Amino acid sequence: MTVISMSRTEIDRMSVLQDLAASRIRVTEAATLMSLGRRQVFRLAKAYAQRGAEALVSRKRGRPSNHSYPADLRDAAIGIIRERYPDFGPTLAAEKLAELHDIHLARETIRQWMITAGLWKDRRARLKAVHQPRYRRDCLGELIQIDGSEHGWFENRGPRCTLLVYIDDATSRLMHLQFVESESTFDYFAATRAYLERYGKPVAFYSDKHGVFRVNRKDAIGGDGMTQFGRALHALNIDIICANSSQAKGRVERANGTLQDRLVKEMRLSGIDTIAAGNAFLPAFMEKYNARFAKAPFDNRDVHRALVDGHDDLDDVFAWKEERTVSVNLTLQYDQVLFILEPAGIARSLARKRVTVIDYPDGRLAIRYNGGDLPYRTFDKRPQVNQAAIVENKRLGPILAYIAEQQKKLDMSRSAKAPRRRGQKNHMFKVG
């Protein structure tokens, strides 16, 4: 089966010629309908009778125009634009080609070439995406929008920090606010735990594509595709939905704008200048805010689910977990520290097997295999400074300064946290 591509005019002409062949119209009427002369009508009718619809298709279709510029000139112009004027519009690019490179082309020609080369978008492609409103969810706890708003909350009285905002989609009610130093995984752990202990488990959280909520690296390999926060919510049977745009989570974005106005001024009147004082102030502010701005839900049910004792272990859920492979010497490395498993019991058979390191926010650390914690000890690889070395009295000051500087560097290198663990307080490892 042959598919023939025809324009609207060619399809209309074929319909007229079919009527002419069936003697439903005369040649004069066909000429009027096709806006052609009688001689042209006879020529088309003969060709259509011999070759069918293919005879009506223009032979120039798919071929370069006789008036087109040489391909070498197009490639040269686009090469210059790509190298020197990639962010120029067609009009300015055409002017610079004529002024500096002696290439004289029409603005529309440059525009078409730039669109084909991906250097320019036409007006329709540059139109902003349309974000139409959606209905709120029906019940309290069905969808909780979360976001972190970095702002000068204390103005010039205190440090710049981030406010974690939890707002219910059905009612626009502020559910939880918390000031933190930065938008990190451990800060979201603490804030979400406080939320769950107060209200219970919502159906879903709705967030942006921050690295806390979603693995954004295109070259990421291995793993289950979950962040630490996503893993914690999965363990609690809470969905996490990542919005494709800020407009999609407009409820919390608009709340951020209101808070950056009202909350800042309320704290100014109260003289609040620290994160701790701000967090103590937030419950009373939330109560007044919700009385002013919260809406009644379509359905009065509260769909939060209660935490189950013995099943929802928040200490375990909101801990940083990573897998490590045990060496043949029953050692493993985590956070730049070497851990040695005690060679007793099941630990003796764990060589080359995977175990889970559980790093709790309060500083505790456990190494777990098949649900059981393994005894371990740490091995300090830091070079020991010979404190008993005998030096001349004149050199004692520089030597002590050097030792102090080296110890400081080693301590910093050991305690430095990887970027994905940013937000956890420094702590000493404790023997499990």
Protein backbone atom coordinates (compact mmCIF):
# COMPACT_ATOMS: atom_id res chain seq x y z
CA MET A 1 0.00 0.00 0.00
CA THR A 2 1.44 3.34 -1.13
CA VAL A 3 0.86 6.43 1.00
CA ILE A 4 0.74 9.70 -0.94
CA SER A 5 1.23 13.00 0.91
CA MET A 6 -1.04 15.71 -0.50
CA SER A 7 -1.78 19.30 0.41
CA ARG A 8 -5.26 20.59 1.12
CA THR A 9 -5.41 22.23 -2.35
CA GLU A 10 -4.39 19.00 -4.10
CA ILE A 11 -7.04 17.02 -2.19
CA ASP A 12 -9.71 19.56 -3.22
CA ARG A 13 -8.59 19.35 -6.86
CA MET A 14 -8.82 15.55 -6.78
CA SER A 15 -12.42 15.80 -5.55
CA VAL A 16 -13.29 18.22 -8.37
CA LEU A 17 -11.64 15.99 -11.02
CA GLN A 18 -13.58 12.99 -9.70
CA ASP A 19 -16.82 14.92 -10.16
CA LEU A 20 -15.68 15.97 -13.64
CA ALA A 21 -14.84 12.39 -14.64
CA ALA A 22 -18.28 11.27 -13.44
CA SER A 23 -19.92 14.06 -15.52
CA ARG A 24 -21.44 15.64 -12.39
CA ILE A 25 -19.94 19.00 -13.35
CA ARG A 26 -18.73 20.66 -16.56
CA VAL A 27 -15.22 21.80 -17.49
CA THR A 28 -16.20 25.45 -16.99
CA GLU A 29 -17.45 24.73 -13.46
CA ALA A 30 -14.32 22.70 -12.68
CA ALA A 31 -12.12 25.59 -13.86
CA THR A 32 -14.02 27.96 -11.58
CA LEU A 33 -13.79 25.64 -8.56
CA MET A 34 -10.03 25.12 -9.01
CA SER A 35 -9.31 28.72 -10.09
CA LEU A 36 -7.58 27.42 -13.21
CA GLY A 37 -7.98 27.89 -16.98
CA ARG A 38 -9.82 25.37 -19.18
CA ARG A 39 -6.56 24.21 -20.78
CA GLN A 40 -5.05 23.50 -17.33
CA VAL A 41 -8.18 21.60 -16.32
CA PHE A 42 -7.93 19.34 -19.40
CA ARG A 43 -4.22 18.71 -18.63
CA LEU A 44 -4.94 17.75 -15.00
CA ALA A 45 -7.91 15.58 -15.94
CA LYS A 46 -5.80 13.62 -18.43
CA ALA A 47 -2.95 13.14 -15.97
CA TYR A 48 -5.35 12.08 -13.19
CA ALA A 49 -6.98 9.51 -15.50
CA GLN A 50 -3.56 8.03 -16.33
CA ARG A 51 -1.67 8.13 -12.98
CA GLY A 52 -4.32 8.78 -10.34
CA ALA A 53 -3.76 11.00 -7.30
CA GLU A 54 0.04 10.92 -7.76
CA ALA A 55 -0.36 13.14 -10.84
CA LEU A 56 -1.73 15.98 -8.71
CA VAL A 57 1.24 16.09 -6.29
CA SER A 58 3.82 18.78 -7.02
CA ARG A 59 7.10 17.36 -8.31
CA LYS A 60 9.01 20.05 -6.41
CA ARG A 61 7.95 18.68 -3.06
CA GLY A 62 10.93 17.45 -1.00
CA ARG A 63 13.46 19.06 -3.34
CA PRO A 64 15.55 22.11 -2.45
CA SER A 65 14.27 25.39 -3.80
CA ASN A 66 15.90 26.80 -6.89
CA HIS A 67 16.33 30.06 -4.98
CA SER A 68 17.89 28.53 -1.83
CA TYR A 69 21.35 29.56 -0.66
CA PRO A 70 24.25 27.13 -1.04
CA ALA A 71 24.68 24.70 1.83
CA ASP A 72 28.28 25.88 2.35
CA LEU A 73 27.08 29.43 3.01
CA ARG A 74 24.45 28.22 5.49
CA ASP A 75 27.00 26.06 7.33
CA ALA A 76 29.48 28.95 7.48
CA ALA A 77 26.89 31.40 8.83
CA ILE A 78 25.58 28.98 11.46
CA GLY A 79 29.15 28.07 12.45
CA ILE A 80 29.98 31.72 13.09
CA ILE A 81 26.75 32.28 15.03
CA ARG A 82 27.28 29.15 17.12
CA GLU A 83 30.85 30.15 17.96
CA ARG A 84 30.51 33.91 18.52
CA TYR A 85 26.82 34.83 18.80
CA PRO A 86 24.99 31.84 20.33
CA ASP A 87 22.76 34.03 22.53
CA PHE A 88 22.02 36.66 19.83
CA GLY A 89 18.58 37.05 18.29
CA PRO A 90 18.17 36.66 14.49
CA THR A 91 18.04 40.42 13.84
CA LEU A 92 21.23 41.23 15.75
CA ALA A 93 22.98 38.12 14.41
CA ALA A 94 22.16 39.17 10.82
CA GLU A 95 23.52 42.66 11.50
CA LYS A 96 26.80 41.31 12.94
CA LEU A 97 27.26 38.86 10.06
CA ALA A 98 26.95 41.74 7.60
CA GLU A 99 29.03 44.19 9.65
CA LEU A 100 31.91 41.97 10.75
CA HIS A 101 31.94 39.01 8.35
CA ASP A 102 30.60 40.46 5.08
CA ILE A 103 27.80 37.89 4.97
CA HIS A 104 24.62 39.67 3.89
CA LEU A 105 21.47 37.65 4.56
CA ALA A 106 17.88 38.52 5.35
CA ARG A 107 16.81 38.43 9.00
CA GLU A 108 14.10 35.85 8.23
CA THR A 109 16.65 33.58 6.53
CA ILE A 110 18.89 33.75 9.59
CA ARG A 111 15.89 33.08 11.84
CA GLN A 112 14.89 29.93 9.94
CA TRP A 113 18.46 28.65 9.90
CA MET A 114 18.88 29.31 13.64
CA ILE A 115 15.62 27.50 14.43
CA THR A 116 16.74 24.47 12.40
CA ALA A 117 20.12 24.50 14.17
CA GLY A 118 18.48 24.72 17.61
CA LEU A 119 19.90 28.21 18.32
CA TRP A 120 16.51 29.97 18.39
CA LYS A 121 12.91 29.18 19.23
CA ASP A 122 9.94 30.60 17.39
CA ARG A 123 7.35 32.63 19.22
CA ARG A 124 5.06 29.71 19.93
CA ALA A 125 7.90 27.63 21.38
CA ARG A 126 8.88 30.55 23.63
CA LEU A 127 5.44 30.88 25.18
CA LYS A 128 5.39 30.07 28.88
CA ALA A 129 3.83 26.79 29.89
CA VAL A 130 0.21 27.01 31.01
CA HIS A 131 -0.35 25.87 34.60
CA GLN A 132 -4.06 25.46 35.12
CA PRO A 133 -5.48 25.28 38.64
CA ARG A 134 -6.44 21.94 40.14
CA TYR A 135 -8.91 21.09 42.87
CA ARG A 136 -7.70 20.69 46.42
CA ARG A 137 -7.56 17.23 47.93
CA ASP A 138 -10.69 16.30 49.85
CA CYS A 139 -9.41 15.36 53.31
CA LEU A 140 -6.92 16.58 55.87
CA GLY A 141 -3.75 14.49 55.68
CA GLU A 142 -4.33 13.28 52.12
CA LEU A 143 -1.49 15.36 50.67
CA ILE A 144 1.04 17.43 52.63
CA GLN A 145 3.14 19.88 50.63
CA ILE A 146 6.65 20.39 52.02
CA ASP A 147 9.31 22.91 51.12
CA GLY A 148 12.34 24.70 52.52
CA SER A 149 12.45 28.49 52.28
CA GLU A 150 15.89 30.06 52.71
CA HIS A 151 15.48 33.69 53.71
CA GLY A 152 16.75 36.39 56.02
CA TRP A 153 14.08 35.50 58.58
CA PHE A 154 15.71 37.48 61.38
CA GLU A 155 16.70 40.33 59.05
CA ASN A 156 19.97 41.86 60.32
CA ARG A 157 19.40 40.66 63.89
CA GLY A 158 20.44 37.04 63.36
CA PRO A 159 21.84 34.52 60.86
CA ARG A 160 20.26 33.66 57.55
CA CYS A 161 18.54 30.28 57.81
CA THR A 162 15.89 28.01 56.26
CA LEU A 163 12.28 27.51 57.32
CA LEU A 164 10.87 24.01 56.67
CA VAL A 165 7.18 24.37 55.83
CA TYR A 166 4.57 21.57 55.97
CA ILE A 167 1.14 22.65 54.67
CA ASP A 168 -2.00 20.59 54.11
CA ASP A 169 -3.28 20.68 50.52
CA ALA A 170 -6.95 20.28 51.43
CA THR A 171 -7.11 23.14 53.93
CA SER A 172 -4.02 25.36 53.35
CA ARG A 173 -3.39 24.83 57.05
CA LEU A 174 0.16 25.12 58.34
CA MET A 175 0.86 21.74 59.92
CA HIS A 176 4.48 22.20 60.98
CA LEU A 177 7.14 24.91 60.80
CA GLN A 178 10.75 24.57 61.86
CA PHE A 179 13.80 26.82 61.53
CA VAL A 180 17.01 24.98 60.57
CA GLU A 181 20.46 26.04 59.50
CA SER A 182 20.17 24.42 56.07
CA GLU A 183 17.83 22.24 54.01
CA SER A 184 19.46 18.88 54.75
CA THR A 185 18.40 15.26 55.11
CA PHE A 186 18.86 15.16 58.87
CA ASP A 187 16.90 18.39 59.32
CA TYR A 188 14.03 16.88 57.30
CA PHE A 189 14.33 13.73 59.40
CA ALA A 190 13.85 15.73 62.60
CA ALA A 191 11.02 17.89 61.24
CA THR A 192 9.14 14.94 59.72
CA ARG A 193 9.48 12.94 62.91
CA ALA A 194 7.98 15.84 64.90
CA TYR A 195 5.13 16.00 62.36
CA LEU A 196 4.41 12.26 62.59
CA GLU A 197 4.48 12.21 66.36
CA ARG A 198 1.90 15.01 66.46
CA TYR A 199 -0.49 14.11 63.63
CA GLY A 200 0.30 10.58 62.48
CA LYS A 201 1.19 9.39 58.97
CA PRO A 202 -0.29 11.26 55.97
CA VAL A 203 -1.06 9.53 52.70
CA ALA A 204 1.63 11.39 50.75
CA PHE A 205 4.13 14.21 50.86
CA TYR A 206 4.44 16.57 47.87
CA SER A 207 7.86 18.18 47.34
CA ASP A 208 10.14 19.69 44.73
CA LYS A 209 13.08 17.84 43.15
CA HIS A 210 15.60 18.78 45.81
CA GLY A 211 18.38 16.22 46.29
CA VAL A 212 16.91 15.30 49.69
CA PHE A 213 13.80 13.89 48.01
CA ARG A 214 15.03 12.54 44.70
CA VAL A 215 18.21 11.11 43.15
CA ASN A 216 19.02 13.77 40.54
CA ARG A 217 22.34 12.45 39.21
CA LYS A 218 21.88 11.22 35.63
CA ASP A 219 24.94 8.98 35.91
CA ALA A 220 23.84 7.37 39.18
CA ILE A 221 24.23 3.59 39.05
CA GLY A 222 23.33 0.91 41.52
CA GLY A 223 21.16 1.29 44.57
CA ASP A 224 17.38 1.33 44.63
CA GLY A 225 16.93 4.86 43.26
CA MET A 226 15.80 6.19 46.66
CA THR A 227 17.32 8.92 48.74
CA GLN A 228 17.69 8.42 52.49
CA PHE A 229 14.51 10.48 53.02
CA GLY A 230 12.62 8.47 50.41
CA ARG A 231 13.74 5.24 52.04
CA ALA A 232 12.46 6.44 55.42
CA LEU A 233 9.04 7.32 53.98
CA HIS A 234 8.86 4.00 52.14
CA ALA A 235 9.45 2.18 55.44
CA LEU A 236 6.49 4.09 56.90
CA ASN A 237 4.27 3.44 53.84
CA ILE A 238 4.10 7.16 52.97
CA ASP A 239 4.32 8.18 49.31
CA ILE A 240 6.64 10.96 48.12
CA ILE A 241 5.60 12.88 44.99
CA CYS A 242 8.05 15.28 43.31
CA ALA A 243 6.52 18.23 41.43
CA ASN A 244 7.79 19.10 37.95
CA SER A 245 7.52 22.86 38.57
CA SER A 246 7.14 25.35 41.38
CA GLN A 247 3.66 26.20 40.07
CA ALA A 248 2.57 22.60 40.67
CA LYS A 249 3.10 23.05 44.41
CA GLY A 250 1.69 26.55 44.43
CA ARG A 251 0.00 26.09 47.81
CA VAL A 252 3.27 25.96 49.73
CA GLU A 253 4.97 28.49 47.44
CA ARG A 254 2.28 31.09 48.13
CA ALA A 255 2.48 30.27 51.85
CA ASN A 256 6.23 30.94 51.71
CA GLY A 257 5.57 34.38 50.28
CA THR A 258 3.06 35.18 53.02
CA LEU A 259 5.40 33.89 55.72
CA GLN A 260 8.32 35.94 54.40
CA ASP A 261 6.15 39.00 54.95
CA ARG A 262 4.07 38.34 58.07
CA LEU A 263 6.37 36.03 60.04
CA VAL A 264 9.40 38.27 59.55
CA LYS A 265 7.52 41.30 60.84
CA GLU A 266 5.96 39.43 63.76
CA MET A 267 9.41 38.25 64.86
CA ARG A 268 10.75 41.78 64.49
CA LEU A 269 8.07 43.07 66.85
CA SER A 270 8.94 40.31 69.34
CA GLY A 271 12.69 40.92 69.05
CA ILE A 272 13.47 37.32 68.01
CA ASP A 273 16.99 36.89 66.66
CA THR A 274 17.97 33.21 67.02
CA ILE A 275 16.81 29.90 65.56
CA ALA A 276 15.92 28.52 69.00
CA ALA A 277 13.81 31.56 69.90
CA GLY A 278 12.18 31.43 66.45
CA ASN A 279 11.18 27.78 66.87
CA ALA A 280 9.69 28.57 70.28
CA PHE A 281 7.67 31.39 68.70
CA LEU A 282 6.28 29.35 65.77
CA PRO A 283 3.44 27.38 67.48
CA ALA A 284 1.60 30.54 68.57
CA PHE A 285 2.15 32.11 65.16
CA MET A 286 0.81 29.00 63.38
CA GLU A 287 -2.36 29.10 65.47
CA LYS A 288 -3.08 32.70 64.48
CA TYR A 289 -2.11 32.06 60.84
CA ASN A 290 -4.44 29.07 60.50
CA ALA A 291 -7.32 30.98 62.09
CA ARG A 292 -6.83 33.65 59.42
CA PHE A 293 -6.02 31.66 56.28
CA ALA A 294 -7.03 27.98 56.67
CA LYS A 295 -9.97 26.66 54.60
CA ALA A 296 -12.62 24.09 55.42
CA PRO A 297 -11.99 20.75 53.65
CA PHE A 298 -14.50 19.22 51.25
CA ASP A 299 -14.59 16.13 53.49
CA ASN A 300 -14.26 16.43 57.26
CA ARG A 301 -12.40 13.12 57.66
CA ASP A 302 -8.82 13.14 58.91
CA VAL A 303 -6.95 10.45 56.96
CA HIS A 304 -3.76 10.55 59.00
CA ARG A 305 -2.83 7.03 60.17
CA ALA A 306 -1.67 6.44 63.73
CA LEU A 307 1.87 5.21 64.39
CA VAL A 308 1.91 1.55 65.37
CA ASP A 309 3.95 0.65 68.46
CA GLY A 310 6.52 -2.00 67.72
CA HIS A 311 6.16 -1.56 63.96
CA ASP A 312 6.90 2.11 63.24
CA ASP A 313 10.27 2.48 64.95
CA LEU A 314 11.07 6.12 64.25
CA ASP A 315 14.56 5.83 65.75
CA ASP A 316 15.41 3.21 63.16
CA VAL A 317 13.48 4.80 60.30
CA PHE A 318 15.08 8.24 60.61
CA ALA A 319 18.68 7.02 60.70
CA TRP A 320 21.24 7.21 57.90
CA LYS A 321 21.75 3.75 56.41
CA GLU A 322 24.45 2.61 54.04
CA GLU A 323 25.63 -0.83 52.96
CA ARG A 324 29.25 -1.93 53.17
CA THR A 325 31.10 -5.11 52.17
CA VAL A 326 33.02 -6.86 54.94
CA SER A 327 36.64 -7.65 54.06
CA VAL A 328 38.33 -11.00 54.62
CA ASN A 329 39.83 -9.44 57.76
CA LEU A 330 36.32 -8.69 59.06
CA THR A 331 36.80 -4.95 58.61
CA LEU A 332 34.76 -2.28 56.87
CA GLN A 333 35.15 1.46 56.35
CA TYR A 334 32.53 4.11 56.93
CA ASP A 335 32.87 7.88 57.19
CA GLN A 336 36.69 7.65 56.95
CA VAL A 337 36.85 5.34 59.97
CA LEU A 338 37.88 1.67 59.91
CA PHE A 339 35.63 -0.66 61.92
CA ILE A 340 36.69 -4.14 63.03
CA LEU A 341 34.01 -6.75 63.68
CA GLU A 342 34.60 -8.90 66.72
CA PRO A 343 35.48 -12.40 65.39
CA ALA A 344 32.83 -14.22 67.36
CA GLY A 345 29.55 -15.89 66.49
CA ILE A 346 28.03 -15.07 63.13
CA ALA A 347 30.58 -12.35 62.41
CA ARG A 348 33.21 -15.00 61.56
CA SER A 349 31.22 -15.99 58.45
CA LEU A 350 30.58 -12.48 57.10
CA ALA A 351 33.70 -12.07 54.94
CA ARG A 352 32.77 -10.56 51.55
CA LYS A 353 29.13 -10.18 52.62
CA ARG A 354 27.08 -6.98 52.77
CA VAL A 355 26.15 -5.40 56.09
CA THR A 356 24.22 -2.23 56.88
CA VAL A 357 25.78 0.66 58.79
CA ILE A 358 23.11 2.59 60.72
CA ASP A 359 24.14 6.10 61.74
CA TYR A 360 21.64 7.65 64.16
CA PRO A 361 21.22 11.44 64.39
CA ASP A 362 22.08 11.39 68.10
CA GLY A 363 25.54 9.91 67.46
CA ARG A 364 24.92 6.19 67.98
CA LEU A 365 26.18 3.84 65.28
CA ALA A 366 25.26 0.21 64.64
CA ILE A 367 26.43 -2.41 62.14
CA ARG A 368 23.58 -4.77 61.31
CA TYR A 369 23.26 -8.06 59.44
CA ASN A 370 19.92 -9.86 58.97
CA GLY A 371 18.28 -7.74 61.64
CA GLY A 372 20.94 -8.33 64.29
CA ASP A 373 23.50 -5.81 65.56
CA LEU A 374 27.13 -6.93 65.40
CA PRO A 375 29.76 -6.09 68.04
CA TYR A 376 32.62 -4.00 66.67
CA ARG A 377 35.46 -1.70 67.60
CA THR A 378 37.08 1.21 65.80
CA PHE A 379 40.62 1.28 64.46
CA ASP A 380 42.21 4.72 64.55
CA LYS A 381 44.44 5.08 61.51
CA ARG A 382 45.69 8.55 62.44
CA PRO A 383 49.47 8.70 62.83
CA GLN A 384 50.44 9.08 66.45
CA VAL A 385 52.56 12.09 67.37
CA ASN A 386 55.53 11.22 69.57
CA GLN A 387 54.77 13.51 72.48
CA ALA A 388 57.98 12.39 74.30
CA ALA A 389 60.34 13.51 71.55
CA ILE A 390 63.20 15.57 72.93
CA VAL A 391 63.71 18.94 71.23
CA GLU A 392 65.80 21.93 71.93
CA ASN A 393 64.16 24.62 74.02
CA LYS A 394 64.46 27.14 71.17
CA ARG A 395 62.47 24.90 68.82
CA LEU A 396 59.73 23.93 71.28
CA GLY A 397 57.30 26.68 70.23
CA PRO A 398 57.38 25.96 66.46
CA ILE A 399 57.20 22.21 67.09
CA LEU A 400 54.10 22.57 69.27
CA ALA A 401 52.46 24.88 66.72
CA TYR A 402 53.18 22.37 63.96
CA ILE A 403 51.76 19.47 66.00
CA ALA A 404 48.60 21.46 66.81
CA GLU A 405 48.08 22.37 63.14
CA GLN A 406 48.54 18.78 61.96
CA GLN A 407 46.13 17.46 64.60
CA LYS A 408 43.57 20.07 63.55
CA LYS A 409 43.83 19.02 59.90
CA LEU A 410 43.47 15.34 60.77
CA ASP A 411 40.47 16.00 63.02
CA MET A 412 38.78 18.05 60.31
CA SER A 413 39.42 15.40 57.65
CA ARG A 414 37.93 12.72 59.88
CA SER A 415 34.87 14.66 60.94
CA ALA A 416 34.07 16.19 57.55
CA LYS A 417 30.74 14.86 56.38
CA ALA A 418 29.99 13.89 52.80
CA PRO A 419 27.62 16.36 51.04
CA ARG A 420 24.71 13.91 51.10
CA ARG A 421 24.96 13.70 54.90
CA ARG A 422 25.07 17.46 55.41
CA GLY A 423 23.10 18.53 58.45
CA GLN A 424 24.07 15.81 60.92
CA LYS A 425 25.76 17.04 64.06
CA ASN A 426 29.37 16.02 64.71
CA HIS A 427 29.60 13.12 67.08
CA MET A 428 31.94 10.49 68.46
CA PHE A 429 31.39 6.93 67.33
CA LYS A 430 30.29 4.60 70.08
CA VAL A 431 31.06 0.93 70.24
CA GLY A 432 28.00 -1.13 69.41
